[in-house]
Amino acid sequence: MNGPLLTVVPDRADSVEVYNLSRGPETTTQRVRRLQREARLLAQEQIEAMGRDLDDLARRAQEIAEGGEAYAVGVREMASRLAADLPQKAQGLRVLLNRSPKD
């Protein structure tokens, strides 16, 4: 029997709103507010992912900085500066994210 394929959905119960169909259709204002909440959640997820990416790049830069003669001197120096700077940038993103208003 060929039924629909099921997809695992990540558990985000803290940010998921279930729409009660018995309430009737959404008004335009309700829909705008719901879409704005969803957009803010997506933006937050993207910022969090960017912070993780910056942390990963900092680790890679540190590996290159410590890579010895396999890497050119200028590359090691730049990687060393990035390894020092990127974690601060990631932390700055997290601070700004935590300052933003929550719903």
PDB file of N, CA and C in Angstrom:
ATOM      1  N   MET A   1       0.823  -1.172   0.000  1.00  0.00           N
ATOM      2  CA  MET A   1       0.000   0.000   0.000  1.00  0.00           C
ATOM      3  C   MET A   1       0.874   1.244   0.000  1.00  0.00           C
ATOM      4  N   ASN A   2       0.629   2.114  -0.915  1.00  0.00           N
ATOM      5  CA  ASN A   2       1.426   3.340  -1.010  1.00  0.00           C
ATOM      6  C   ASN A   2       0.697   4.478  -0.332  1.00  0.00           C
ATOM      7  N   GLY A   3       1.152   4.817   0.874  1.00  0.00           N
ATOM      8  CA  GLY A   3       0.573   5.934   1.606  1.00  0.00           C
ATOM      9  C   GLY A   3       1.495   7.131   1.539  1.00  0.00           C
ATOM     10  N   PRO A   4       1.106   8.205   2.170  1.00  0.00           N
ATOM     11  CA  PRO A   4       1.971   9.386   2.167  1.00  0.00           C
ATOM     12  C   PRO A   4       3.233   9.141   2.988  1.00  0.00           C
ATOM     13  N   LEU A   5       4.310   9.742   2.551  1.00  0.00           N
ATOM     14  CA  LEU A   5       5.559   9.642   3.288  1.00  0.00           C
ATOM     15  C   LEU A   5       5.484  10.529   4.520  1.00  0.00           C
ATOM     16  N   LEU A   6       6.024  10.061   5.613  1.00  0.00           N
ATOM     17  CA  LEU A   6       6.028  10.837   6.850  1.00  0.00           C
ATOM     18  C   LEU A   6       7.382  11.501   7.010  1.00  0.00           C
ATOM     19  N   THR A   7       7.360  12.697   7.511  1.00  0.00           N
ATOM     20  CA  THR A   7       8.578  13.458   7.738  1.00  0.00           C
ATOM     21  C   THR A   7       8.692  13.767   9.213  1.00  0.00           C
ATOM     22  N   VAL A   8       9.873  13.549   9.774  1.00  0.00           N
ATOM     23  CA  VAL A   8      10.109  13.881  11.170  1.00  0.00           C
ATOM     24  C   VAL A   8      10.238  15.385  11.297  1.00  0.00           C
ATOM     25  N   VAL A   9       9.470  15.960  12.204  1.00  0.00           N
ATOM     26  CA  VAL A   9       9.493  17.399  12.431  1.00  0.00           C
ATOM     27  C   VAL A   9      10.167  17.645  13.762  1.00  0.00           C
ATOM     28  N   PRO A  10      11.159  18.553  13.807  1.00  0.00           N
ATOM     29  CA  PRO A  10      11.837  18.830  15.075  1.00  0.00           C
ATOM     30  C   PRO A  10      10.848  19.328  16.121  1.00  0.00           C
ATOM     31  N   ASP A  11      11.074  18.949  17.356  1.00  0.00           N
ATOM     32  CA  ASP A  11      10.205  19.351  18.452  1.00  0.00           C
ATOM     33  C   ASP A  11      10.517  20.775  18.846  1.00  0.00           C
ATOM     34  N   ARG A  12       9.641  21.672  18.515  1.00  0.00           N
ATOM     35  CA  ARG A  12       9.779  23.081  18.864  1.00  0.00           C
ATOM     36  C   ARG A  12       8.502  23.526  19.563  1.00  0.00           C
ATOM     37  N   ALA A  13       8.043  22.715  20.512  1.00  0.00           N
ATOM     38  CA  ALA A  13       6.782  22.980  21.191  1.00  0.00           C
ATOM     39  C   ALA A  13       6.768  24.338  21.867  1.00  0.00           C
ATOM     40  N   ASP A  14       7.925  24.847  22.260  1.00  0.00           N
ATOM     41  CA  ASP A  14       7.971  26.138  22.933  1.00  0.00           C
ATOM     42  C   ASP A  14       7.656  27.292  21.991  1.00  0.00           C
ATOM     43  N   SER A  15       7.762  27.077  20.677  1.00  0.00           N
ATOM     44  CA  SER A  15       7.539  28.180  19.752  1.00  0.00           C
ATOM     45  C   SER A  15       6.441  27.884  18.732  1.00  0.00           C
ATOM     46  N   VAL A  16       5.757  26.782  18.888  1.00  0.00           N
ATOM     47  CA  VAL A  16       4.738  26.401  17.923  1.00  0.00           C
ATOM     48  C   VAL A  16       3.371  26.788  18.464  1.00  0.00           C
ATOM     49  N   GLU A  17       2.607  27.430  17.602  1.00  0.00           N
ATOM     50  CA  GLU A  17       1.240  27.788  17.974  1.00  0.00           C
ATOM     51  C   GLU A  17       0.300  26.939  17.138  1.00  0.00           C
ATOM     52  N   VAL A  18      -0.599  26.253  17.795  1.00  0.00           N
ATOM     53  CA  VAL A  18      -1.575  25.441  17.098  1.00  0.00           C
ATOM     54  C   VAL A  18      -2.805  26.297  16.856  1.00  0.00           C
ATOM     55  N   TYR A  19      -3.266  26.343  15.630  1.00  0.00           N
ATOM     56  CA  TYR A  19      -4.427  27.150  15.286  1.00  0.00           C
ATOM     57  C   TYR A  19      -5.679  26.331  15.520  1.00  0.00           C
ATOM     58  N   ASN A  20      -6.601  26.883  16.265  1.00  0.00           N
ATOM     59  CA  ASN A  20      -7.862  26.222  16.588  1.00  0.00           C
ATOM     60  C   ASN A  20      -8.847  26.524  15.468  1.00  0.00           C
ATOM     61  N   LEU A  21      -9.182  25.504  14.666  1.00  0.00           N
ATOM     62  CA  LEU A  21     -10.075  25.702  13.531  1.00  0.00           C
ATOM     63  C   LEU A  21     -11.490  26.077  13.952  1.00  0.00           C
ATOM     64  N   SER A  22     -11.878  25.743  15.170  1.00  0.00           N
ATOM     65  CA  SER A  22     -13.230  26.066  15.620  1.00  0.00           C
ATOM     66  C   SER A  22     -13.406  27.564  15.864  1.00  0.00           C
ATOM     67  N   ARG A  23     -12.310  28.330  15.921  1.00  0.00           N
ATOM     68  CA  ARG A  23     -12.391  29.776  16.112  1.00  0.00           C
ATOM     69  C   ARG A  23     -12.822  30.483  14.844  1.00  0.00           C
ATOM     70  N   GLY A  24     -12.817  29.807  13.747  1.00  0.00           N
ATOM     71  CA  GLY A  24     -13.150  30.455  12.487  1.00  0.00           C
ATOM     72  C   GLY A  24     -11.905  30.977  11.814  1.00  0.00           C
ATOM     73  N   PRO A  25     -12.071  31.631  10.668  1.00  0.00           N
ATOM     74  CA  PRO A  25     -10.896  32.117   9.926  1.00  0.00           C
ATOM     75  C   PRO A  25     -10.208  33.258  10.660  1.00  0.00           C
ATOM     76  N   GLU A  26      -8.918  33.370  10.410  1.00  0.00           N
ATOM     77  CA  GLU A  26      -8.129  34.452  10.989  1.00  0.00           C
ATOM     78  C   GLU A  26      -8.542  35.782  10.372  1.00  0.00           C
ATOM     79  N   THR A  27      -8.516  36.808  11.172  1.00  0.00           N
ATOM     80  CA  THR A  27      -8.683  38.147  10.609  1.00  0.00           C
ATOM     81  C   THR A  27      -7.357  38.547   9.986  1.00  0.00           C
ATOM     82  N   THR A  28      -7.372  39.594   9.200  1.00  0.00           N
ATOM     83  CA  THR A  28      -6.139  40.070   8.584  1.00  0.00           C
ATOM     84  C   THR A  28      -5.125  40.454   9.655  1.00  0.00           C
ATOM     85  N   THR A  29      -5.587  41.118  10.705  1.00  0.00           N
ATOM     86  CA  THR A  29      -4.690  41.527  11.793  1.00  0.00           C
ATOM     87  C   THR A  29      -4.075  40.315  12.479  1.00  0.00           C
ATOM     88  N   GLN A  30      -4.884  39.307  12.754  1.00  0.00           N
ATOM     89  CA  GLN A  30      -4.365  38.087  13.386  1.00  0.00           C
ATOM     90  C   GLN A  30      -3.335  37.407  12.492  1.00  0.00           C
ATOM     91  N   ARG A  31      -3.628  37.365  11.203  1.00  0.00           N
ATOM     92  CA  ARG A  31      -2.700  36.716  10.273  1.00  0.00           C
ATOM     93  C   ARG A  31      -1.382  37.477  10.202  1.00  0.00           C
ATOM     94  N   VAL A  32      -1.447  38.817  10.144  1.00  0.00           N
ATOM     95  CA  VAL A  32      -0.230  39.635  10.104  1.00  0.00           C
ATOM     96  C   VAL A  32       0.596  39.385  11.350  1.00  0.00           C
ATOM     97  N   ARG A  33      -0.031  39.386  12.514  1.00  0.00           N
ATOM     98  CA  ARG A  33       0.699  39.148  13.769  1.00  0.00           C
ATOM     99  C   ARG A  33       1.331  37.764  13.792  1.00  0.00           C
ATOM    100  N   ARG A  34       0.573  36.760  13.340  1.00  0.00           N
ATOM    101  CA  ARG A  34       1.110  35.391  13.313  1.00  0.00           C
ATOM    102  C   ARG A  34       2.308  35.311  12.378  1.00  0.00           C
ATOM    103  N   LEU A  35       2.198  35.901  11.199  1.00  0.00           N
ATOM    104  CA  LEU A  35       3.299  35.862  10.236  1.00  0.00           C
ATOM    105  C   LEU A  35       4.512  36.631  10.743  1.00  0.00           C
ATOM    106  N   GLN A  36       4.286  37.736  11.446  1.00  0.00           N
ATOM    107  CA  GLN A  36       5.401  38.483  12.028  1.00  0.00           C
ATOM    108  C   GLN A  36       6.108  37.651  13.095  1.00  0.00           C
ATOM    109  N   ARG A  37       5.338  36.942  13.937  1.00  0.00           N
ATOM    110  CA  ARG A  37       5.948  36.059  14.951  1.00  0.00           C
ATOM    111  C   ARG A  37       6.785  34.984  14.274  1.00  0.00           C
ATOM    112  N   GLU A  38       6.225  34.379  13.224  1.00  0.00           N
ATOM    113  CA  GLU A  38       6.958  33.330  12.511  1.00  0.00           C
ATOM    114  C   GLU A  38       8.235  33.885  11.888  1.00  0.00           C
ATOM    115  N   ALA A  39       8.171  35.079  11.308  1.00  0.00           N
ATOM    116  CA  ALA A  39       9.358  35.687  10.704  1.00  0.00           C
ATOM    117  C   ALA A  39      10.423  35.950  11.763  1.00  0.00           C
ATOM    118  N   ARG A  40      10.017  36.433  12.948  1.00  0.00           N
ATOM    119  CA  ARG A  40      10.992  36.676  14.020  1.00  0.00           C
ATOM    120  C   ARG A  40      11.626  35.370  14.484  1.00  0.00           C
ATOM    121  N   LEU A  41      10.834  34.297  14.573  1.00  0.00           N
ATOM    122  CA  LEU A  41      11.394  33.003  14.972  1.00  0.00           C
ATOM    123  C   LEU A  41      12.404  32.505  13.937  1.00  0.00           C
ATOM    124  N   LEU A  42      12.067  32.642  12.666  1.00  0.00           N
ATOM    125  CA  LEU A  42      12.999  32.217  11.621  1.00  0.00           C
ATOM    126  C   LEU A  42      14.274  33.047  11.647  1.00  0.00           C
ATOM    127  N   ALA A  43      14.145  34.342  11.864  1.00  0.00           N
ATOM    128  CA  ALA A  43      15.324  35.205  11.949  1.00  0.00           C
ATOM    129  C   ALA A  43      16.192  34.800  13.135  1.00  0.00           C
ATOM    130  N   GLN A  44      15.562  34.497  14.269  1.00  0.00           N
ATOM    131  CA  GLN A  44      16.305  34.069  15.454  1.00  0.00           C
ATOM    132  C   GLN A  44      17.066  32.778  15.168  1.00  0.00           C
ATOM    133  N   GLU A  45      16.409  31.823  14.519  1.00  0.00           N
ATOM    134  CA  GLU A  45      17.071  30.562  14.190  1.00  0.00           C
ATOM    135  C   GLU A  45      18.269  30.801  13.279  1.00  0.00           C
ATOM    136  N   GLN A  46      18.131  31.716  12.314  1.00  0.00           N
ATOM    137  CA  GLN A  46      19.229  31.987  11.394  1.00  0.00           C
ATOM    138  C   GLN A  46      20.398  32.659  12.110  1.00  0.00           C
ATOM    139  N   ILE A  47      20.104  33.563  13.023  1.00  0.00           N
ATOM    140  CA  ILE A  47      21.165  34.227  13.789  1.00  0.00           C
ATOM    141  C   ILE A  47      21.893  33.218  14.673  1.00  0.00           C
ATOM    142  N   GLU A  48      21.136  32.321  15.311  1.00  0.00           N
ATOM    143  CA  GLU A  48      21.758  31.279  16.140  1.00  0.00           C
ATOM    144  C   GLU A  48      22.664  30.395  15.290  1.00  0.00           C
ATOM    145  N   ALA A  49      22.207  30.040  14.086  1.00  0.00           N
ATOM    146  CA  ALA A  49      23.021  29.213  13.187  1.00  0.00           C
ATOM    147  C   ALA A  49      24.290  29.950  12.767  1.00  0.00           C
ATOM    148  N   MET A  50      24.155  31.248  12.514  1.00  0.00           N
ATOM    149  CA  MET A  50      25.330  32.042  12.146  1.00  0.00           C
ATOM    150  C   MET A  50      26.345  32.075  13.282  1.00  0.00           C
ATOM    151  N   GLY A  51      25.884  32.196  14.516  1.00  0.00           N
ATOM    152  CA  GLY A  51      26.785  32.158  15.667  1.00  0.00           C
ATOM    153  C   GLY A  51      27.530  30.838  15.749  1.00  0.00           C
ATOM    154  N   ARG A  52      26.814  29.732  15.516  1.00  0.00           N
ATOM    155  CA  ARG A  52      27.472  28.418  15.516  1.00  0.00           C
ATOM    156  C   ARG A  52      28.491  28.322  14.383  1.00  0.00           C
ATOM    157  N   ASP A  53      28.132  28.873  13.215  1.00  0.00           N
ATOM    158  CA  ASP A  53      29.067  28.862  12.082  1.00  0.00           C
ATOM    159  C   ASP A  53      30.333  29.655  12.404  1.00  0.00           C
ATOM    160  N   LEU A  54      30.172  30.804  13.034  1.00  0.00           N
ATOM    161  CA  LEU A  54      31.343  31.607  13.406  1.00  0.00           C
ATOM    162  C   LEU A  54      32.224  30.857  14.394  1.00  0.00           C
ATOM    163  N   ASP A  55      31.613  30.165  15.356  1.00  0.00           N
ATOM    164  CA  ASP A  55      32.392  29.356  16.302  1.00  0.00           C
ATOM    165  C   ASP A  55      33.164  28.254  15.577  1.00  0.00           C
ATOM    166  N   ASP A  56      32.504  27.601  14.604  1.00  0.00           N
ATOM    167  CA  ASP A  56      33.164  26.550  13.832  1.00  0.00           C
ATOM    168  C   ASP A  56      34.328  27.120  13.016  1.00  0.00           C
ATOM    169  N   LEU A  57      34.111  28.278  12.411  1.00  0.00           N
ATOM    170  CA  LEU A  57      35.193  28.907  11.637  1.00  0.00           C
ATOM    171  C   LEU A  57      36.355  29.313  12.534  1.00  0.00           C
ATOM    172  N   ALA A  58      36.057  29.759  13.743  1.00  0.00           N
ATOM    173  CA  ALA A  58      37.127  30.122  14.679  1.00  0.00           C
ATOM    174  C   ALA A  58      37.975  28.903  15.018  1.00  0.00           C
ATOM    175  N   ARG A  59      37.323  27.762  15.211  1.00  0.00           N
ATOM    176  CA  ARG A  59      38.076  26.528  15.496  1.00  0.00           C
ATOM    177  C   ARG A  59      38.949  26.138  14.310  1.00  0.00           C
ATOM    178  N   ARG A  60      38.407  26.241  13.111  1.00  0.00           N
ATOM    179  CA  ARG A  60      39.191  25.906  11.920  1.00  0.00           C
ATOM    180  C   ARG A  60      40.359  26.882  11.762  1.00  0.00           C
ATOM    181  N   ALA A  61      40.102  28.155  11.998  1.00  0.00           N
ATOM    182  CA  ALA A  61      41.167  29.159  11.896  1.00  0.00           C
ATOM    183  C   ALA A  61      42.272  28.865  12.904  1.00  0.00           C
ATOM    184  N   GLN A  62      41.907  28.440  14.105  1.00  0.00           N
ATOM    185  CA  GLN A  62      42.913  28.101  15.123  1.00  0.00           C
ATOM    186  C   GLN A  62      43.764  26.920  14.677  1.00  0.00           C
ATOM    187  N   GLU A  63      43.130  25.933  14.058  1.00  0.00           N
ATOM    188  CA  GLU A  63      43.881  24.776  13.547  1.00  0.00           C
ATOM    189  C   GLU A  63      44.894  25.225  12.491  1.00  0.00           C
ATOM    190  N   ILE A  64      44.472  26.129  11.621  1.00  0.00           N
ATOM    191  CA  ILE A  64      45.380  26.625  10.579  1.00  0.00           C
ATOM    192  C   ILE A  64      46.497  27.454  11.205  1.00  0.00           C
ATOM    193  N   ALA A  65      46.140  28.288  12.164  1.00  0.00           N
ATOM    194  CA  ALA A  65      47.150  29.128  12.824  1.00  0.00           C
ATOM    195  C   ALA A  65      48.220  28.280  13.498  1.00  0.00           C
ATOM    196  N   GLU A  66      47.828  27.123  13.991  1.00  0.00           N
ATOM    197  CA  GLU A  66      48.767  26.230  14.668  1.00  0.00           C
ATOM    198  C   GLU A  66      49.335  25.177  13.724  1.00  0.00           C
ATOM    199  N   GLY A  67      49.066  25.314  12.423  1.00  0.00           N
ATOM    200  CA  GLY A  67      49.430  24.290  11.446  1.00  0.00           C
ATOM    201  C   GLY A  67      50.883  24.235  11.060  1.00  0.00           C
ATOM    202  N   GLY A  68      51.648  25.162  11.535  1.00  0.00           N
ATOM    203  CA  GLY A  68      53.078  25.110  11.257  1.00  0.00           C
ATOM    204  C   GLY A  68      53.407  25.450   9.817  1.00  0.00           C
ATOM    205  N   GLU A  69      54.534  24.926   9.366  1.00  0.00           N
ATOM    206  CA  GLU A  69      55.101  25.266   8.061  1.00  0.00           C
ATOM    207  C   GLU A  69      54.244  24.808   6.888  1.00  0.00           C
ATOM    208  N   ALA A  70      53.230  24.008   7.132  1.00  0.00           N
ATOM    209  CA  ALA A  70      52.364  23.572   6.032  1.00  0.00           C
ATOM    210  C   ALA A  70      51.598  24.755   5.446  1.00  0.00           C
ATOM    211  N   TYR A  71      51.431  25.798   6.245  1.00  0.00           N
ATOM    212  CA  TYR A  71      50.697  26.989   5.805  1.00  0.00           C
ATOM    213  C   TYR A  71      51.657  28.167   5.686  1.00  0.00           C
ATOM    214  N   ALA A  72      51.389  29.027   4.724  1.00  0.00           N
ATOM    215  CA  ALA A  72      52.213  30.223   4.542  1.00  0.00           C
ATOM    216  C   ALA A  72      52.105  31.112   5.778  1.00  0.00           C
ATOM    217  N   VAL A  73      53.167  31.863   6.065  1.00  0.00           N
ATOM    218  CA  VAL A  73      53.218  32.713   7.254  1.00  0.00           C
ATOM    219  C   VAL A  73      52.041  33.680   7.277  1.00  0.00           C
ATOM    220  N   GLY A  74      51.740  34.346   6.174  1.00  0.00           N
ATOM    221  CA  GLY A  74      50.635  35.293   6.125  1.00  0.00           C
ATOM    222  C   GLY A  74      49.293  34.641   6.410  1.00  0.00           C
ATOM    223  N   VAL A  75      49.118  33.420   5.923  1.00  0.00           N
ATOM    224  CA  VAL A  75      47.876  32.682   6.161  1.00  0.00           C
ATOM    225  C   VAL A  75      47.743  32.348   7.644  1.00  0.00           C
ATOM    226  N   ARG A  76      48.835  31.890   8.248  1.00  0.00           N
ATOM    227  CA  ARG A  76      48.793  31.564   9.682  1.00  0.00           C
ATOM    228  C   ARG A  76      48.481  32.802  10.515  1.00  0.00           C
ATOM    229  N   GLU A  77      49.082  33.941  10.158  1.00  0.00           N
ATOM    230  CA  GLU A  77      48.835  35.169  10.911  1.00  0.00           C
ATOM    231  C   GLU A  77      47.383  35.614  10.787  1.00  0.00           C
ATOM    232  N   MET A  78      46.846  35.552   9.573  1.00  0.00           N
ATOM    233  CA  MET A  78      45.451  35.940   9.381  1.00  0.00           C
ATOM    234  C   MET A  78      44.519  34.975  10.116  1.00  0.00           C
ATOM    235  N   ALA A  79      44.823  33.700  10.042  1.00  0.00           N
ATOM    236  CA  ALA A  79      44.003  32.706  10.737  1.00  0.00           C
ATOM    237  C   ALA A  79      44.059  32.931  12.246  1.00  0.00           C
ATOM    238  N   SER A  80      45.206  33.302  12.757  1.00  0.00           N
ATOM    239  CA  SER A  80      45.346  33.576  14.184  1.00  0.00           C
ATOM    240  C   SER A  80      44.462  34.751  14.602  1.00  0.00           C
ATOM    241  N   ARG A  81      44.449  35.799  13.786  1.00  0.00           N
ATOM    242  CA  ARG A  81      43.600  36.960  14.090  1.00  0.00           C
ATOM    243  C   ARG A  81      42.120  36.590  14.018  1.00  0.00           C
ATOM    244  N   LEU A  82      41.755  35.808  13.009  1.00  0.00           N
ATOM    245  CA  LEU A  82      40.356  35.369  12.892  1.00  0.00           C
ATOM    246  C   LEU A  82      39.954  34.486  14.068  1.00  0.00           C
ATOM    247  N   ALA A  83      40.847  33.602  14.486  1.00  0.00           N
ATOM    248  CA  ALA A  83      40.549  32.716  15.612  1.00  0.00           C
ATOM    249  C   ALA A  83      40.291  33.510  16.878  1.00  0.00           C
ATOM    250  N   ALA A  84      40.953  34.648  17.013  1.00  0.00           N
ATOM    251  CA  ALA A  84      40.742  35.497  18.188  1.00  0.00           C
ATOM    252  C   ALA A  84      39.484  36.350  18.051  1.00  0.00           C
ATOM    253  N   ASP A  85      39.172  36.770  16.837  1.00  0.00           N
ATOM    254  CA  ASP A  85      38.084  37.721  16.609  1.00  0.00           C
ATOM    255  C   ASP A  85      36.713  37.060  16.458  1.00  0.00           C
ATOM    256  N   LEU A  86      36.641  35.936  15.785  1.00  0.00           N
ATOM    257  CA  LEU A  86      35.341  35.325  15.474  1.00  0.00           C
ATOM    258  C   LEU A  86      34.525  34.925  16.699  1.00  0.00           C
ATOM    259  N   PRO A  87      35.123  34.347  17.741  1.00  0.00           N
ATOM    260  CA  PRO A  87      34.297  34.028  18.917  1.00  0.00           C
ATOM    261  C   PRO A  87      33.674  35.277  19.548  1.00  0.00           C
ATOM    262  N   GLN A  88      34.395  36.400  19.508  1.00  0.00           N
ATOM    263  CA  GLN A  88      33.839  37.655  20.038  1.00  0.00           C
ATOM    264  C   GLN A  88      32.666  38.116  19.182  1.00  0.00           C
ATOM    265  N   LYS A  89      32.768  37.962  17.886  1.00  0.00           N
ATOM    266  CA  LYS A  89      31.665  38.322  16.987  1.00  0.00           C
ATOM    267  C   LYS A  89      30.456  37.431  17.243  1.00  0.00           C
ATOM    268  N   ALA A  90      30.696  36.137  17.427  1.00  0.00           N
ATOM    269  CA  ALA A  90      29.591  35.216  17.704  1.00  0.00           C
ATOM    270  C   ALA A  90      28.914  35.573  19.026  1.00  0.00           C
ATOM    271  N   GLN A  91      29.715  35.897  20.027  1.00  0.00           N
ATOM    272  CA  GLN A  91      29.152  36.290  21.324  1.00  0.00           C
ATOM    273  C   GLN A  91      28.359  37.585  21.189  1.00  0.00           C
ATOM    274  N   GLY A  92      28.858  38.515  20.391  1.00  0.00           N
ATOM    275  CA  GLY A  92      28.137  39.761  20.154  1.00  0.00           C
ATOM    276  C   GLY A  92      26.772  39.518  19.524  1.00  0.00           C
ATOM    277  N   LEU A  93      26.715  38.589  18.575  1.00  0.00           N
ATOM    278  CA  LEU A  93      25.427  38.228  17.981  1.00  0.00           C
ATOM    279  C   LEU A  93      24.466  37.695  19.036  1.00  0.00           C
ATOM    280  N   ARG A  94      24.989  36.839  19.907  1.00  0.00           N
ATOM    281  CA  ARG A  94      24.130  36.253  20.949  1.00  0.00           C
ATOM    282  C   ARG A  94      23.615  37.320  21.905  1.00  0.00           C
ATOM    283  N   VAL A  95      24.465  38.268  22.251  1.00  0.00           N
ATOM    284  CA  VAL A  95      24.043  39.355  23.143  1.00  0.00           C
ATOM    285  C   VAL A  95      22.939  40.166  22.481  1.00  0.00           C
ATOM    286  N   LEU A  96      23.137  40.525  21.219  1.00  0.00           N
ATOM    287  CA  LEU A  96      22.115  41.302  20.508  1.00  0.00           C
ATOM    288  C   LEU A  96      20.821  40.517  20.383  1.00  0.00           C
ATOM    289  N   LEU A  97      20.936  39.233  20.137  1.00  0.00           N
ATOM    290  CA  LEU A  97      19.741  38.387  20.018  1.00  0.00           C
ATOM    291  C   LEU A  97      18.975  38.344  21.340  1.00  0.00           C
ATOM    292  N   ASN A  98      19.694  38.257  22.452  1.00  0.00           N
ATOM    293  CA  ASN A  98      19.044  38.195  23.754  1.00  0.00           C
ATOM    294  C   ASN A  98      18.414  39.538  24.152  1.00  0.00           C
ATOM    295  N   ARG A  99      18.909  40.634  23.579  1.00  0.00           N
ATOM    296  CA  ARG A  99      18.342  41.944  23.854  1.00  0.00           C
ATOM    297  C   ARG A  99      17.061  42.200  23.094  1.00  0.00           C
ATOM    298  N   SER A 100      16.863  41.492  21.980  1.00  0.00           N
ATOM    299  CA  SER A 100      15.692  41.759  21.142  1.00  0.00           C
ATOM    300  C   SER A 100      14.416  41.375  21.882  1.00  0.00           C
ATOM    301  N   PRO A 101      13.340  42.102  21.639  1.00  0.00           N
ATOM    302  CA  PRO A 101      12.083  41.838  22.353  1.00  0.00           C
ATOM    303  C   PRO A 101      11.528  40.464  22.002  1.00  0.00           C
ATOM    304  N   LYS A 102      10.981  39.816  23.010  1.00  0.00           N
ATOM    305  CA  LYS A 102      10.363  38.501  22.834  1.00  0.00           C
ATOM    306  C   LYS A 102       8.854  38.668  22.817  1.00  0.00           C
ATOM    307  N   ASP A 103       8.186  37.764  22.121  1.00  0.00           N
ATOM    308  CA  ASP A 103       6.712  37.760  22.122  1.00  0.00           C
ATOM    309  C   ASP A 103       6.152  37.160  23.375  1.00  0.00           C
TER     310      ASP A 103
END
